[in-house]
Every structure is written in structure tokens, then in C-alpha cells.
């Protein structure tokens, strides 16, 4: 191997390059993804902090803010149906 051959991007003699590719699962997911799709939702920071304070003040450790949001959205959907 000459002094600057590594700059050509060619692998050294005797080394095999890995041709392994990460292909998505049949359902379109990649490694590390769950089956559930996540969507980003923007909420004002002040609103979120106020909700967190109220959830903590209630002392109900079983209910999280995510569950509360889901419950509210489901109730809204049922009301519209």
C-alpha cells in the first residue's frame, strides 16, 4: 500500500467490506422502531407546565399527561360523532 492510497477510499488487501444493509421489516419499520407511529404535537410550554402541576397536585400517579391528553381527545371525538 502506497503512502496515500487510503485517500482513494479503497479497502486494504485482505479485508472484506461489509455489504450488510439494513432493510425495513415487512411492515415498514426499521430496527428500534415500535409498531406504533409517533406524531409530534406542539403545545405551549406554559400550558404543559400548568397541566403537569395539576396532575402532580392531584397525586394520582397512575395518570400521566399523555393519558390525560388521549382521554381528552377521545372524549372530543365521541362528542363530535
PDB file of N, CA and C in Angstrom:
ATOM      1  N   UNK A   1       0.858  -1.170   0.000  1.00  0.00           N
ATOM      2  CA  UNK A   1       0.000   0.000   0.000  1.00  0.00           C
ATOM      3  C   UNK A   1       0.901   1.230   0.000  1.00  0.00           C
ATOM      4  N   UNK A   2       0.652   2.091  -0.936  1.00  0.00           N
ATOM      5  CA  UNK A   2       1.434   3.318  -1.021  1.00  0.00           C
ATOM      6  C   UNK A   2       1.011   4.270   0.083  1.00  0.00           C
ATOM      7  N   UNK A   3       1.744   5.321   0.209  1.00  0.00           N
ATOM      8  CA  UNK A   3       1.570   6.230   1.339  1.00  0.00           C
ATOM      9  C   UNK A   3       0.173   6.833   1.441  1.00  0.00           C
ATOM     10  N   UNK A   4      -0.433   7.277   0.349  1.00  0.00           N
ATOM     11  CA  UNK A   4      -1.727   7.959   0.404  1.00  0.00           C
ATOM     12  C   UNK A   4      -2.851   7.166  -0.270  1.00  0.00           C
ATOM     13  N   UNK A   5      -2.693   5.861  -0.386  1.00  0.00           N
ATOM     14  CA  UNK A   5      -3.727   5.044  -1.023  1.00  0.00           C
ATOM     15  C   UNK A   5      -5.041   5.053  -0.230  1.00  0.00           C
ATOM     16  N   UNK A   6      -4.959   5.261   1.065  1.00  0.00           N
ATOM     17  CA  UNK A   6      -6.180   5.252   1.883  1.00  0.00           C
ATOM     18  C   UNK A   6      -7.118   6.395   1.499  1.00  0.00           C
ATOM     19  N   UNK A   7      -6.603   7.424   0.876  1.00  0.00           N
ATOM     20  CA  UNK A   7      -7.447   8.540   0.468  1.00  0.00           C
ATOM     21  C   UNK A   7      -8.342   8.206  -0.710  1.00  0.00           C
ATOM     22  N   UNK A   8      -8.013   7.149  -1.436  1.00  0.00           N
ATOM     23  CA  UNK A   8      -8.829   6.739  -2.581  1.00  0.00           C
ATOM     24  C   UNK A   8     -10.103   6.040  -2.143  1.00  0.00           C
ATOM     25  N   UNK A   9     -10.186   5.678  -0.879  1.00  0.00           N
ATOM     26  CA  UNK A   9     -11.371   5.001  -0.371  1.00  0.00           C
ATOM     27  C   UNK A   9     -11.389   3.516  -0.656  1.00  0.00           C
ATOM     28  N   UNK A  10     -10.304   2.980  -1.143  1.00  0.00           N
ATOM     29  CA  UNK A  10     -10.241   1.548  -1.427  1.00  0.00           C
ATOM     30  C   UNK A  10      -9.869   0.802  -0.150  1.00  0.00           C
ATOM     31  N   UNK A  11     -10.495  -0.350   0.096  1.00  0.00           N
ATOM     32  CA  UNK A  11     -10.150  -1.105   1.294  1.00  0.00           C
ATOM     33  C   UNK A  11      -8.772  -1.747   1.151  1.00  0.00           C
ATOM     34  N   UNK A  12      -8.169  -2.043   2.282  1.00  0.00           N
ATOM     35  CA  UNK A  12      -6.875  -2.713   2.284  1.00  0.00           C
ATOM     36  C   UNK A  12      -7.026  -4.120   1.748  1.00  0.00           C
ATOM     37  N   UNK A  13      -5.944  -4.643   1.248  1.00  0.00           N
ATOM     38  CA  UNK A  13      -5.961  -6.019   0.759  1.00  0.00           C
ATOM     39  C   UNK A  13      -6.178  -6.946   1.948  1.00  0.00           C
ATOM     40  N   UNK A  14      -6.976  -7.958   1.734  1.00  0.00           N
ATOM     41  CA  UNK A  14      -7.231  -8.932   2.789  1.00  0.00           C
ATOM     42  C   UNK A  14      -8.443  -8.608   3.638  1.00  0.00           C
ATOM     43  N   UNK A  15      -8.918  -7.383   3.623  1.00  0.00           N
ATOM     44  CA  UNK A  15     -10.114  -7.017   4.384  1.00  0.00           C
ATOM     45  C   UNK A  15     -11.332  -7.108   3.489  1.00  0.00           C
ATOM     46  N   UNK A  16     -12.388  -7.631   4.043  1.00  0.00           N
ATOM     47  CA  UNK A  16     -13.648  -7.696   3.304  1.00  0.00           C
ATOM     48  C   UNK A  16     -14.536  -6.550   3.747  1.00  0.00           C
ATOM     49  N   UNK A  17     -15.143  -5.905   2.803  1.00  0.00           N
ATOM     50  CA  UNK A  17     -16.071  -4.839   3.155  1.00  0.00           C
ATOM     51  C   UNK A  17     -17.429  -5.446   3.448  1.00  0.00           C
ATOM     52  N   UNK A  18     -18.098  -4.895   4.414  1.00  0.00           N
ATOM     53  CA  UNK A  18     -19.404  -5.395   4.808  1.00  0.00           C
ATOM     54  C   UNK A  18     -20.461  -4.866   3.845  1.00  0.00           C
ATOM     55  N   UNK A  19     -21.191  -5.763   3.259  1.00  0.00           N
ATOM     56  CA  UNK A  19     -22.256  -5.387   2.337  1.00  0.00           C
ATOM     57  C   UNK A  19     -23.628  -5.511   2.987  1.00  0.00           C
ATOM     58  N   UNK A  20     -23.626  -5.695   4.298  1.00  0.00           N
ATOM     59  CA  UNK A  20     -24.878  -5.871   5.024  1.00  0.00           C
ATOM     60  C   UNK A  20     -25.644  -4.547   5.041  1.00  0.00           C
ATOM     61  N   UNK A  21     -26.873  -4.592   4.635  1.00  0.00           N
ATOM     62  CA  UNK A  21     -27.717  -3.401   4.607  1.00  0.00           C
ATOM     63  C   UNK A  21     -28.861  -3.593   5.584  1.00  0.00           C
ATOM     64  N   UNK A  22     -29.322  -2.512   6.118  1.00  0.00           N
ATOM     65  CA  UNK A  22     -30.486  -2.603   6.997  1.00  0.00           C
ATOM     66  C   UNK A  22     -31.725  -2.394   6.144  1.00  0.00           C
ATOM     67  N   UNK A  23     -32.461  -3.433   5.974  1.00  0.00           N
ATOM     68  CA  UNK A  23     -33.692  -3.351   5.205  1.00  0.00           C
ATOM     69  C   UNK A  23     -34.861  -3.271   6.173  1.00  0.00           C
ATOM     70  N   UNK A  24     -35.874  -2.533   5.836  1.00  0.00           N
ATOM     71  CA  UNK A  24     -37.010  -2.422   6.746  1.00  0.00           C
ATOM     72  C   UNK A  24     -37.742  -3.756   6.879  1.00  0.00           C
ATOM     73  N   UNK A  25     -38.402  -3.903   8.004  1.00  0.00           N
ATOM     74  CA  UNK A  25     -39.231  -5.081   8.232  1.00  0.00           C
ATOM     75  C   UNK A  25     -40.386  -5.064   7.233  1.00  0.00           C
ATOM     76  N   UNK A  26     -41.076  -6.185   7.064  1.00  0.00           N
ATOM     77  CA  UNK A  26     -42.183  -6.225   6.092  1.00  0.00           C
ATOM     78  C   UNK A  26     -43.251  -5.158   6.320  1.00  0.00           C
ATOM     79  N   UNK A  27     -43.413  -4.725   7.557  1.00  0.00           N
ATOM     80  CA  UNK A  27     -44.427  -3.700   7.823  1.00  0.00           C
ATOM     81  C   UNK A  27     -43.857  -2.286   7.713  1.00  0.00           C
ATOM     82  N   UNK A  28     -42.620  -2.137   7.233  1.00  0.00           N
ATOM     83  CA  UNK A  28     -42.051  -0.822   7.004  1.00  0.00           C
ATOM     84  C   UNK A  28     -41.230  -0.270   8.154  1.00  0.00           C
ATOM     85  N   UNK A  29     -41.200  -0.986   9.302  1.00  0.00           N
ATOM     86  CA  UNK A  29     -40.445  -0.498  10.448  1.00  0.00           C
ATOM     87  C   UNK A  29     -38.967  -0.806  10.279  1.00  0.00           C
ATOM     88  N   UNK A  30     -38.148   0.027  10.870  1.00  0.00           N
ATOM     89  CA  UNK A  30     -36.713  -0.210  10.906  1.00  0.00           C
ATOM     90  C   UNK A  30     -36.335  -0.677  12.307  1.00  0.00           C
ATOM     91  N   UNK A  31     -35.103  -1.132  12.471  1.00  0.00           N
ATOM     92  CA  UNK A  31     -34.642  -1.635  13.755  1.00  0.00           C
ATOM     93  C   UNK A  31     -34.798  -0.543  14.812  1.00  0.00           C
ATOM     94  N   UNK A  32     -35.366  -0.892  15.947  1.00  0.00           N
ATOM     95  CA  UNK A  32     -35.529   0.052  17.037  1.00  0.00           C
ATOM     96  C   UNK A  32     -36.853   0.789  17.037  1.00  0.00           C
ATOM     97  N   UNK A  33     -37.626   0.690  15.983  1.00  0.00           N
ATOM     98  CA  UNK A  33     -38.918   1.370  15.951  1.00  0.00           C
ATOM     99  C   UNK A  33     -39.996   0.454  16.506  1.00  0.00           C
ATOM    100  N   UNK A  34     -40.923   1.042  17.203  1.00  0.00           N
ATOM    101  CA  UNK A  34     -42.060   0.266  17.675  1.00  0.00           C
ATOM    102  C   UNK A  34     -43.125   0.245  16.585  1.00  0.00           C
ATOM    103  N   UNK A  35     -44.118  -0.577  16.770  1.00  0.00           N
ATOM    104  CA  UNK A  35     -45.180  -0.671  15.783  1.00  0.00           C
ATOM    105  C   UNK A  35     -46.075   0.546  15.762  1.00  0.00           C
ATOM    106  N   UNK A  36     -46.035   1.321  16.829  1.00  0.00           N
ATOM    107  CA  UNK A  36     -46.904   2.481  16.950  1.00  0.00           C
ATOM    108  C   UNK A  36     -46.198   3.715  16.392  1.00  0.00           C
ATOM    109  N   UNK A  37     -46.833   4.407  15.496  1.00  0.00           N
ATOM    110  CA  UNK A  37     -46.252   5.624  14.927  1.00  0.00           C
ATOM    111  C   UNK A  37     -46.431   6.779  15.904  1.00  0.00           C
ATOM    112  N   UNK A  38     -45.449   7.635  15.980  1.00  0.00           N
ATOM    113  CA  UNK A  38     -45.487   8.777  16.879  1.00  0.00           C
ATOM    114  C   UNK A  38     -45.554  10.042  16.039  1.00  0.00           C
ATOM    115  N   UNK A  39     -46.398  10.950  16.458  1.00  0.00           N
ATOM    116  CA  UNK A  39     -46.532  12.211  15.752  1.00  0.00           C
ATOM    117  C   UNK A  39     -46.202  13.346  16.705  1.00  0.00           C
ATOM    118  N   UNK A  40     -45.484  14.316  16.221  1.00  0.00           N
ATOM    119  CA  UNK A  40     -45.114  15.468  17.042  1.00  0.00           C
ATOM    120  C   UNK A  40     -46.299  16.428  17.119  1.00  0.00           C
ATOM    121  N   UNK A  41     -46.595  16.848  18.332  1.00  0.00           N
ATOM    122  CA  UNK A  41     -47.665  17.801  18.570  1.00  0.00           C
ATOM    123  C   UNK A  41     -47.074  18.949  19.372  1.00  0.00           C
ATOM    124  N   UNK A  42     -47.350  20.170  18.965  1.00  0.00           N
ATOM    125  CA  UNK A  42     -46.805  21.333  19.646  1.00  0.00           C
ATOM    126  C   UNK A  42     -47.827  21.910  20.606  1.00  0.00           C
ATOM    127  N   UNK A  43     -47.384  22.134  21.839  1.00  0.00           N
ATOM    128  CA  UNK A  43     -48.220  22.716  22.887  1.00  0.00           C
ATOM    129  C   UNK A  43     -47.398  23.828  23.540  1.00  0.00           C
ATOM    130  N   UNK A  44     -48.068  24.890  23.935  1.00  0.00           N
ATOM    131  CA  UNK A  44     -47.343  25.972  24.612  1.00  0.00           C
ATOM    132  C   UNK A  44     -46.714  25.455  25.897  1.00  0.00           C
ATOM    133  N   UNK A  45     -45.495  25.901  26.148  1.00  0.00           N
ATOM    134  CA  UNK A  45     -44.754  25.451  27.327  1.00  0.00           C
ATOM    135  C   UNK A  45     -45.501  25.795  28.611  1.00  0.00           C
ATOM    136  N   UNK A  46     -46.098  26.967  28.646  1.00  0.00           N
ATOM    137  CA  UNK A  46     -46.827  27.385  29.853  1.00  0.00           C
ATOM    138  C   UNK A  46     -48.023  26.468  30.125  1.00  0.00           C
ATOM    139  N   UNK A  47     -48.697  26.090  29.044  1.00  0.00           N
ATOM    140  CA  UNK A  47     -49.858  25.203  29.188  1.00  0.00           C
ATOM    141  C   UNK A  47     -49.422  23.846  29.709  1.00  0.00           C
ATOM    142  N   UNK A  48     -48.369  23.300  29.139  1.00  0.00           N
ATOM    143  CA  UNK A  48     -47.876  21.989  29.564  1.00  0.00           C
ATOM    144  C   UNK A  48     -47.425  22.015  31.017  1.00  0.00           C
ATOM    145  N   UNK A  49     -46.725  23.055  31.415  1.00  0.00           N
ATOM    146  CA  UNK A  49     -46.266  23.150  32.800  1.00  0.00           C
ATOM    147  C   UNK A  49     -47.435  23.260  33.764  1.00  0.00           C
ATOM    148  N   UNK A  50     -48.458  23.998  33.380  1.00  0.00           N
ATOM    149  CA  UNK A  50     -49.643  24.123  34.239  1.00  0.00           C
ATOM    150  C   UNK A  50     -50.351  22.784  34.384  1.00  0.00           C
ATOM    151  N   UNK A  51     -50.424  22.025  33.290  1.00  0.00           N
ATOM    152  CA  UNK A  51     -51.060  20.707  33.351  1.00  0.00           C
ATOM    153  C   UNK A  51     -50.241  19.776  34.238  1.00  0.00           C
ATOM    154  N   UNK A  52     -48.907  19.793  34.090  1.00  0.00           N
ATOM    155  CA  UNK A  52     -48.056  18.954  34.938  1.00  0.00           C
ATOM    156  C   UNK A  52     -48.269  19.282  36.412  1.00  0.00           C
ATOM    157  N   UNK A  53     -48.356  20.575  36.734  1.00  0.00           N
ATOM    158  CA  UNK A  53     -48.574  20.965  38.136  1.00  0.00           C
ATOM    159  C   UNK A  53     -49.884  20.403  38.661  1.00  0.00           C
ATOM    160  N   UNK A  54     -50.940  20.493  37.851  1.00  0.00           N
ATOM    161  CA  UNK A  54     -52.249  19.998  38.291  1.00  0.00           C
ATOM    162  C   UNK A  54     -52.241  18.478  38.455  1.00  0.00           C
ATOM    163  N   UNK A  55     -51.579  17.776  37.539  1.00  0.00           N
ATOM    164  CA  UNK A  55     -51.525  16.310  37.650  1.00  0.00           C
ATOM    165  C   UNK A  55     -50.766  15.922  38.916  1.00  0.00           C
ATOM    166  N   UNK A  56     -49.667  16.607  39.195  1.00  0.00           N
ATOM    167  CA  UNK A  56     -48.902  16.311  40.414  1.00  0.00           C
ATOM    168  C   UNK A  56     -49.679  16.679  41.668  1.00  0.00           C
ATOM    169  N   UNK A  57     -50.428  17.777  41.602  1.00  0.00           N
ATOM    170  CA  UNK A  57     -51.197  18.230  42.757  1.00  0.00           C
ATOM    171  C   UNK A  57     -52.293  17.222  43.104  1.00  0.00           C
ATOM    172  N   UNK A  58     -52.876  16.603  42.076  1.00  0.00           N
ATOM    173  CA  UNK A  58     -53.907  15.587  42.322  1.00  0.00           C
ATOM    174  C   UNK A  58     -53.328  14.366  43.022  1.00  0.00           C
ATOM    175  N   UNK A  59     -52.059  14.111  42.827  1.00  0.00           N
ATOM    176  CA  UNK A  59     -51.417  12.980  43.484  1.00  0.00           C
ATOM    177  C   UNK A  59     -51.722  11.645  42.840  1.00  0.00           C
ATOM    178  N   UNK A  60     -52.397  11.646  41.720  1.00  0.00           N
ATOM    179  CA  UNK A  60     -52.725  10.402  41.024  1.00  0.00           C
ATOM    180  C   UNK A  60     -51.524  10.000  40.170  1.00  0.00           C
ATOM    181  N   UNK A  61     -50.738   9.060  40.687  1.00  0.00           N
ATOM    182  CA  UNK A  61     -49.541   8.646  39.960  1.00  0.00           C
ATOM    183  C   UNK A  61     -49.870   7.742  38.787  1.00  0.00           C
ATOM    184  N   UNK A  62     -51.078   7.207  38.744  1.00  0.00           N
ATOM    185  CA  UNK A  62     -51.450   6.304  37.651  1.00  0.00           C
ATOM    186  C   UNK A  62     -51.715   7.074  36.362  1.00  0.00           C
ATOM    187  N   UNK A  63     -52.111   8.327  36.491  1.00  0.00           N
ATOM    188  CA  UNK A  63     -52.444   9.104  35.300  1.00  0.00           C
ATOM    189  C   UNK A  63     -51.267   9.992  34.909  1.00  0.00           C
ATOM    190  N   UNK A  64     -50.891   9.904  33.654  1.00  0.00           N
ATOM    191  CA  UNK A  64     -49.837  10.767  33.144  1.00  0.00           C
ATOM    192  C   UNK A  64     -50.462  11.818  32.241  1.00  0.00           C
ATOM    193  N   UNK A  65     -49.663  12.778  31.843  1.00  0.00           N
ATOM    194  CA  UNK A  65     -50.158  13.829  30.964  1.00  0.00           C
ATOM    195  C   UNK A  65     -50.538  13.237  29.610  1.00  0.00           C
ATOM    196  N   UNK A  66     -49.760  12.263  29.133  1.00  0.00           N
ATOM    197  CA  UNK A  66     -50.078  11.621  27.858  1.00  0.00           C
ATOM    198  C   UNK A  66     -51.444  10.942  27.907  1.00  0.00           C
ATOM    199  N   UNK A  67     -51.710  10.251  29.014  1.00  0.00           N
ATOM    200  CA  UNK A  67     -53.013   9.589  29.160  1.00  0.00           C
ATOM    201  C   UNK A  67     -54.130  10.616  29.240  1.00  0.00           C
ATOM    202  N   UNK A  68     -53.864  11.707  29.916  1.00  0.00           N
ATOM    203  CA  UNK A  68     -54.864  12.767  30.031  1.00  0.00           C
ATOM    204  C   UNK A  68     -55.184  13.357  28.664  1.00  0.00           C
ATOM    205  N   UNK A  69     -54.165  13.610  27.878  1.00  0.00           N
ATOM    206  CA  UNK A  69     -54.371  14.155  26.531  1.00  0.00           C
ATOM    207  C   UNK A  69     -55.155  13.167  25.682  1.00  0.00           C
ATOM    208  N   UNK A  70     -54.795  11.896  25.773  1.00  0.00           N
ATOM    209  CA  UNK A  70     -55.514  10.882  24.996  1.00  0.00           C
ATOM    210  C   UNK A  70     -56.983  10.813  25.407  1.00  0.00           C
ATOM    211  N   UNK A  71     -57.237  10.839  26.704  1.00  0.00           N
ATOM    212  CA  UNK A  71     -58.622  10.805  27.194  1.00  0.00           C
ATOM    213  C   UNK A  71     -59.419  12.010  26.696  1.00  0.00           C
ATOM    214  N   UNK A  72     -58.805  13.185  26.757  1.00  0.00           N
ATOM    215  CA  UNK A  72     -59.495  14.390  26.301  1.00  0.00           C
ATOM    216  C   UNK A  72     -59.780  14.347  24.807  1.00  0.00           C
ATOM    217  N   UNK A  73     -58.830  13.885  24.025  1.00  0.00           N
ATOM    218  CA  UNK A  73     -59.049  13.804  22.582  1.00  0.00           C
ATOM    219  C   UNK A  73     -60.106  12.763  22.227  1.00  0.00           C
ATOM    220  N   UNK A  74     -60.095  11.633  22.909  1.00  0.00           N
ATOM    221  CA  UNK A  74     -61.122  10.617  22.654  1.00  0.00           C
ATOM    222  C   UNK A  74     -62.510  11.134  23.032  1.00  0.00           C
ATOM    223  N   UNK A  75     -62.607  11.840  24.151  1.00  0.00           N
ATOM    224  CA  UNK A  75     -63.897  12.409  24.557  1.00  0.00           C
ATOM    225  C   UNK A  75     -64.374  13.427  23.523  1.00  0.00           C
ATOM    226  N   UNK A  76     -63.465  14.223  23.001  1.00  0.00           N
ATOM    227  CA  UNK A  76     -63.811  15.202  21.977  1.00  0.00           C
ATOM    228  C   UNK A  76     -64.306  14.515  20.715  1.00  0.00           C
ATOM    229  N   UNK A  77     -63.640  13.429  20.314  1.00  0.00           N
ATOM    230  CA  UNK A  77     -64.076  12.686  19.126  1.00  0.00           C
ATOM    231  C   UNK A  77     -65.465  12.066  19.315  1.00  0.00           C
ATOM    232  N   UNK A  78     -65.687  11.509  20.500  1.00  0.00           N
ATOM    233  CA  UNK A  78     -67.004  10.895  20.776  1.00  0.00           C
ATOM    234  C   UNK A  78     -68.100  11.951  20.759  1.00  0.00           C
ATOM    235  N   UNK A  79     -67.785  13.110  21.272  1.00  0.00           N
ATOM    236  CA  UNK A  79     -68.763  14.207  21.301  1.00  0.00           C
ATOM    237  C   UNK A  79     -69.135  14.639  19.885  1.00  0.00           C
ATOM    238  N   UNK A  80     -68.211  14.620  18.990  1.00  0.00           N
ATOM    239  CA  UNK A  80     -68.464  15.042  17.609  1.00  0.00           C
ATOM    240  C   UNK A  80     -69.178  13.974  16.792  1.00  0.00           C
ATOM    241  N   UNK A  81     -69.091  12.725  17.211  1.00  0.00           N
ATOM    242  CA  UNK A  81     -69.709  11.633  16.431  1.00  0.00           C
ATOM    243  C   UNK A  81     -71.209  11.553  16.634  1.00  0.00           C
TER     244      UNK A  81
END
